[in-house]
Amino acid sequence: TDVKTGLIELAYALYKKGSFNEGKTELKDIIRLLEKAFSVDLGNYPRTFQEILSRKTGYTSFMDKLRECLILYINAIEQKYDR
């Protein structure tokens, strides 16, 4: 239910990190994998990436939110078991 732009951010991050096949997987293949996994058409993803680059509030808003949510989750677990 999140925006497609977030998935494109994720795809580029995975691609640039070399997360698949020791960095040998092409971006288009990662895009196809995510489209299939999430049953979504990411359309003209290079154009969307250009829009991401023109953001005034930061390039990685989706990735930043993912990180924030994961840290909050981990902190909640730690608090639960630290008592």
Protein backbone atom coordinates (compact mmCIF):
# COMPACT_ATOMS: atom_id res chain seq x y z
CA THR A 1 0.00 0.00 0.00
CA ASP A 2 3.02 2.29 0.02
CA VAL A 3 3.92 4.48 -2.92
CA LYS A 4 5.70 2.98 -5.92
CA THR A 5 8.46 5.53 -5.53
CA GLY A 6 9.46 3.82 -2.28
CA LEU A 7 9.89 0.51 -4.04
CA ILE A 8 12.01 2.22 -6.69
CA GLU A 9 14.20 3.73 -3.94
CA LEU A 10 14.60 0.24 -2.52
CA ALA A 11 15.44 -1.25 -5.93
CA TYR A 12 18.18 1.29 -6.60
CA ALA A 13 19.60 0.81 -3.09
CA LEU A 14 19.71 -2.97 -3.51
CA TYR A 15 21.29 -2.56 -6.93
CA LYS A 16 23.98 -0.12 -5.82
CA LYS A 17 24.79 -2.23 -2.76
CA GLY A 18 25.22 -5.29 -4.97
CA SER A 19 22.76 -7.28 -2.90
CA PHE A 20 21.99 -9.89 -5.56
CA ASN A 21 24.33 -12.37 -7.25
CA GLU A 22 27.48 -10.70 -5.91
CA GLY A 23 26.50 -7.39 -7.53
CA LYS A 24 26.10 -8.88 -11.00
CA THR A 25 22.31 -8.50 -11.22
CA GLU A 26 21.09 -5.69 -13.45
CA LEU A 27 18.77 -3.01 -12.10
CA LYS A 28 16.03 -3.98 -14.57
CA ASP A 29 16.08 -7.52 -13.17
CA ILE A 30 15.72 -6.26 -9.61
CA ILE A 31 12.84 -4.06 -10.76
CA ARG A 32 11.16 -7.05 -12.41
CA LEU A 33 11.63 -9.14 -9.26
CA LEU A 34 10.05 -6.46 -7.07
CA GLU A 35 7.21 -5.93 -9.55
CA LYS A 36 6.43 -9.63 -9.49
CA ALA A 37 6.82 -9.98 -5.71
CA PHE A 38 4.51 -7.04 -5.00
CA SER A 39 2.17 -7.44 -8.00
CA VAL A 40 2.82 -3.90 -9.15
CA ASP A 41 3.97 -2.17 -12.34
CA LEU A 42 6.74 0.30 -11.54
CA GLY A 43 6.42 1.90 -14.95
CA ASN A 44 9.14 4.24 -16.14
CA TYR A 45 11.43 3.76 -13.15
CA PRO A 46 14.34 5.82 -14.57
CA ARG A 47 11.97 8.80 -14.84
CA THR A 48 10.78 8.23 -11.28
CA PHE A 49 14.39 8.09 -10.13
CA GLN A 50 14.97 11.47 -11.79
CA GLU A 51 12.06 12.78 -9.72
CA ILE A 52 13.67 11.34 -6.59
CA LEU A 53 16.85 13.25 -7.45
CA SER A 54 14.90 16.50 -7.63
CA ARG A 55 13.45 16.20 -4.12
CA LYS A 56 14.09 19.15 -1.85
CA THR A 57 13.56 17.22 1.40
CA GLY A 58 16.06 14.40 0.83
CA TYR A 59 16.62 11.63 -1.65
CA THR A 60 15.78 8.66 0.54
CA SER A 61 12.57 9.48 2.36
CA PHE A 62 11.19 5.93 2.06
CA MET A 63 14.45 4.29 3.11
CA ASP A 64 14.76 6.72 6.02
CA LYS A 65 11.25 5.85 7.20
CA LEU A 66 12.01 2.11 6.90
CA ARG A 67 15.11 2.55 9.05
CA GLU A 68 13.22 4.63 11.60
CA CYS A 69 10.43 2.05 11.90
CA LEU A 70 12.89 -0.83 12.28
CA ILE A 71 14.83 0.99 15.00
CA LEU A 72 11.60 1.76 16.90
CA TYR A 73 10.62 -1.93 16.64
CA ILE A 74 14.01 -3.09 17.91
CA ASN A 75 13.91 -0.58 20.77
CA ALA A 76 10.44 -1.80 21.77
CA ILE A 77 11.68 -5.40 21.85
CA GLU A 78 14.71 -4.42 23.92
CA GLN A 79 12.53 -2.52 26.40
CA LYS A 80 10.17 -5.47 26.70
CA TYR A 81 12.97 -7.86 27.66
CA ASP A 82 15.15 -5.48 29.71
CA ARG A 83 12.50 -4.75 32.32
